[in-house]
Amino acid sequence: MYIAANTASICVYSVRDQKTEADTAVVLGASTTGGEVSPVYRERLNHGIELYAEGMVKKLIVTGGTGAGNDISDARAAKNYAVSRGVPENDILVEETSTITQENLENAKIIMDENDLKTAIIVSDPLHMRRAMLLAKDVGIEAFTSPTRTTMYVSLKTKVPFLAREVFYYIGYKWWRIFN
């Protein structure tokens, strides 16, 4: 019952979009290969770029460290992608030391503080948003959710494993919070 309730919570939360004006959008990383963003990361970035183009945010914070076999960080590849789509370089802040969502958000909070950014729209895939927003709250980010509408997780073959992983990590994090 506990697992089913958390699964339902993640699914219901996945359609919640609080898109509002904020200082920045934090685009959560999703791997790169050879300096090119993955299809998943590309769609997250496209959503963040859209928020920027609409004037909803003044800055983008792109996240992600350097994965095995890569010469540049995921965040650096993301910045290059955003610049190629018309976002001015000085409006893109780079968090390039993280390897997991919690580190993405902890480090993004440091960047926000250093740049006097008070509010953030968190951008990720819909099924990732519940956990990402809890993590953002715990690191002190005043955050709003805006999941990408063009997620690459669309078939049952991709959506079910992603949901299962999110349920596992979300429940695990909630239990970890109790003891820390």
Protein backbone atom coordinates (compact mmCIF):
# COMPACT_ATOMS: atom_id res chain seq x y z
CA MET A 1 0.00 0.00 0.00
CA TYR A 2 2.84 2.41 0.89
CA ILE A 3 4.56 1.79 -2.44
CA ALA A 4 1.29 2.18 -4.36
CA ALA A 5 0.53 5.47 -2.60
CA ASN A 6 3.97 6.85 -3.41
CA THR A 7 3.69 5.68 -7.01
CA ALA A 8 0.34 7.45 -7.32
CA SER A 9 1.80 10.57 -5.73
CA ILE A 10 4.63 10.66 -8.26
CA CYS A 11 2.22 10.14 -11.17
CA VAL A 12 -0.23 12.80 -10.02
CA TYR A 13 2.59 15.27 -9.33
CA SER A 14 4.07 14.67 -12.79
CA VAL A 15 1.37 16.77 -14.47
CA ARG A 16 1.69 19.68 -12.05
CA ASP A 17 3.13 22.77 -13.76
CA GLN A 18 3.59 25.88 -11.63
CA LYS A 19 5.21 27.88 -14.44
CA THR A 20 5.58 31.38 -13.11
CA GLU A 21 8.11 34.16 -13.29
CA ALA A 22 11.27 33.25 -11.39
CA ASP A 23 14.88 34.35 -11.29
CA THR A 24 16.25 31.20 -12.92
CA ALA A 25 15.40 27.81 -14.32
CA VAL A 26 17.46 24.93 -12.96
CA VAL A 27 17.67 22.35 -15.74
CA LEU A 28 18.52 18.98 -14.23
CA GLY A 29 21.17 17.04 -16.12
CA ALA A 30 20.67 13.83 -18.06
CA SER A 31 23.97 12.76 -19.61
CA THR A 32 25.93 13.60 -22.72
CA THR A 33 28.12 11.71 -25.13
CA GLY A 34 31.04 13.27 -26.94
CA GLY A 35 29.91 16.78 -26.10
CA GLU A 36 26.36 16.21 -27.36
CA VAL A 37 23.39 16.26 -25.00
CA SER A 38 21.29 13.10 -24.79
CA PRO A 39 17.74 13.19 -26.17
CA VAL A 40 16.41 13.32 -22.59
CA TYR A 41 18.65 16.24 -21.64
CA ARG A 42 17.88 17.99 -24.95
CA GLU A 43 14.15 18.04 -24.17
CA ARG A 44 14.78 19.36 -20.67
CA LEU A 45 17.03 22.06 -22.14
CA ASN A 46 14.47 22.94 -24.80
CA HIS A 47 11.92 23.49 -22.04
CA GLY A 48 14.32 25.69 -20.05
CA ILE A 49 15.15 27.65 -23.21
CA GLU A 50 11.43 28.12 -23.84
CA LEU A 51 10.96 29.49 -20.31
CA TYR A 52 13.86 31.88 -20.93
CA ALA A 53 12.51 32.97 -24.34
CA GLU A 54 9.08 33.62 -22.81
CA GLY A 55 10.66 35.88 -20.19
CA MET A 56 9.66 33.58 -17.35
CA VAL A 57 13.31 33.40 -16.13
CA LYS A 58 16.34 35.66 -16.47
CA LYS A 59 18.99 32.94 -16.19
CA LEU A 60 19.43 29.23 -16.81
CA ILE A 61 21.43 27.00 -14.50
CA VAL A 62 22.48 23.85 -16.35
CA THR A 63 23.74 20.93 -14.31
CA GLY A 64 25.87 17.84 -14.60
CA GLY A 65 29.44 16.70 -14.10
CA THR A 66 31.80 14.94 -16.47
CA GLY A 67 30.72 11.39 -17.22
CA ALA A 68 33.07 8.53 -18.00
CA GLY A 69 34.58 8.88 -21.46
CA ASN A 70 33.60 12.54 -21.87
CA ASP A 71 36.05 15.41 -22.28
CA ILE A 72 33.61 18.09 -21.10
CA SER A 73 30.97 18.16 -18.41
CA ASP A 74 27.31 17.53 -19.14
CA ALA A 75 26.63 21.12 -18.02
CA ARG A 76 29.23 22.52 -20.43
CA ALA A 77 27.65 20.55 -23.30
CA ALA A 78 24.25 21.85 -22.16
CA LYS A 79 25.52 25.43 -22.16
CA ASN A 80 26.90 24.96 -25.67
CA TYR A 81 23.52 23.61 -26.76
CA ALA A 82 21.62 26.53 -25.20
CA VAL A 83 23.98 29.08 -26.76
CA SER A 84 23.47 27.43 -30.16
CA ARG A 85 19.72 27.97 -29.61
CA GLY A 86 20.14 31.69 -28.98
CA VAL A 87 20.54 32.01 -25.21
CA PRO A 88 23.27 34.57 -24.42
CA GLU A 89 26.30 32.95 -22.82
CA ASN A 90 26.25 35.28 -19.82
CA ASP A 91 22.68 34.20 -18.98
CA ILE A 92 23.73 30.56 -18.55
CA LEU A 93 25.29 29.46 -15.28
CA VAL A 94 27.08 26.13 -15.16
CA GLU A 95 27.05 23.58 -12.33
CA GLU A 96 29.48 20.92 -13.48
CA THR A 97 30.55 18.83 -10.51
CA SER A 98 27.41 16.84 -9.70
CA THR A 99 26.64 13.23 -10.51
CA ILE A 100 23.16 12.85 -8.98
CA THR A 101 20.01 14.96 -8.66
CA GLN A 102 20.67 15.85 -5.03
CA GLU A 103 24.09 17.26 -5.95
CA ASN A 104 22.58 19.09 -8.96
CA LEU A 105 20.29 20.95 -6.60
CA GLU A 106 22.76 21.47 -3.74
CA ASN A 107 25.26 22.99 -6.16
CA ALA A 108 22.59 24.98 -8.00
CA LYS A 109 21.62 26.53 -4.66
CA ILE A 110 25.22 27.67 -4.15
CA ILE A 111 25.22 29.23 -7.64
CA MET A 112 21.89 30.90 -6.90
CA ASP A 113 23.23 32.39 -3.66
CA GLU A 114 26.41 33.61 -5.39
CA ASN A 115 24.32 35.34 -8.07
CA ASP A 116 21.57 36.69 -5.80
CA LEU A 117 18.92 34.49 -7.43
CA LYS A 118 16.05 33.87 -5.02
CA THR A 119 13.54 31.75 -6.96
CA ALA A 120 13.85 28.89 -9.44
CA ILE A 121 11.75 26.85 -11.79
CA ILE A 122 12.94 23.25 -11.66
CA VAL A 123 12.96 21.62 -15.10
CA SER A 124 13.07 17.87 -15.58
CA ASP A 125 10.98 14.99 -16.85
CA PRO A 126 7.47 14.72 -15.40
CA LEU A 127 8.08 11.55 -13.38
CA HIS A 128 11.25 13.05 -11.87
CA MET A 129 9.55 16.17 -10.55
CA ARG A 130 8.16 14.88 -7.23
CA ARG A 131 11.57 13.85 -5.94
CA ALA A 132 13.36 16.82 -7.49
CA MET A 133 11.01 19.27 -5.79
CA LEU A 134 11.44 17.58 -2.41
CA LEU A 135 15.22 17.76 -2.82
CA ALA A 136 15.01 21.42 -3.88
CA LYS A 137 12.95 22.23 -0.80
CA ASP A 138 15.44 20.46 1.45
CA VAL A 139 18.40 22.46 0.10
CA GLY A 140 16.52 25.72 0.58
CA ILE A 141 15.51 26.61 -2.96
CA GLU A 142 12.24 28.49 -3.33
CA ALA A 143 11.18 26.39 -6.28
CA PHE A 144 8.35 25.93 -8.73
CA THR A 145 7.79 22.85 -10.87
CA SER A 146 7.68 22.89 -14.67
CA PRO A 147 8.15 19.47 -16.22
CA THR A 148 9.04 19.19 -19.88
CA ARG A 149 6.05 18.38 -22.04
CA THR A 150 8.30 16.64 -24.56
CA THR A 151 9.73 13.92 -22.35
CA MET A 152 11.48 11.07 -24.11
CA TYR A 153 9.85 8.62 -21.68
CA VAL A 154 6.66 7.99 -23.66
CA SER A 155 6.35 4.27 -24.29
CA LEU A 156 5.59 1.73 -21.57
CA LYS A 157 9.01 0.21 -22.26
CA THR A 158 10.71 3.46 -21.18
CA LYS A 159 8.15 4.93 -18.78
CA VAL A 160 7.72 1.93 -16.45
CA PRO A 161 11.44 1.48 -15.62
CA PHE A 162 11.80 5.24 -15.11
CA LEU A 163 8.79 5.30 -12.80
CA ALA A 164 10.06 2.26 -10.88
CA ARG A 165 13.44 3.94 -10.38
CA GLU A 166 11.78 7.16 -9.22
CA VAL A 167 9.57 5.29 -6.74
CA PHE A 168 12.64 3.52 -5.34
CA TYR A 169 14.69 6.73 -5.00
CA TYR A 170 11.78 8.82 -3.73
CA ILE A 171 10.88 6.35 -0.98
CA GLY A 172 14.56 5.86 -0.15
CA TYR A 173 15.10 9.59 0.16
CA LYS A 174 12.02 10.04 2.34
CA TRP A 175 13.32 7.36 4.71
CA TRP A 176 16.84 8.84 4.64
CA ARG A 177 15.36 12.23 5.67
CA ILE A 178 13.81 10.67 8.77
CA PHE A 179 17.18 9.50 10.09
CA ASN A 180 19.28 12.54 9.13
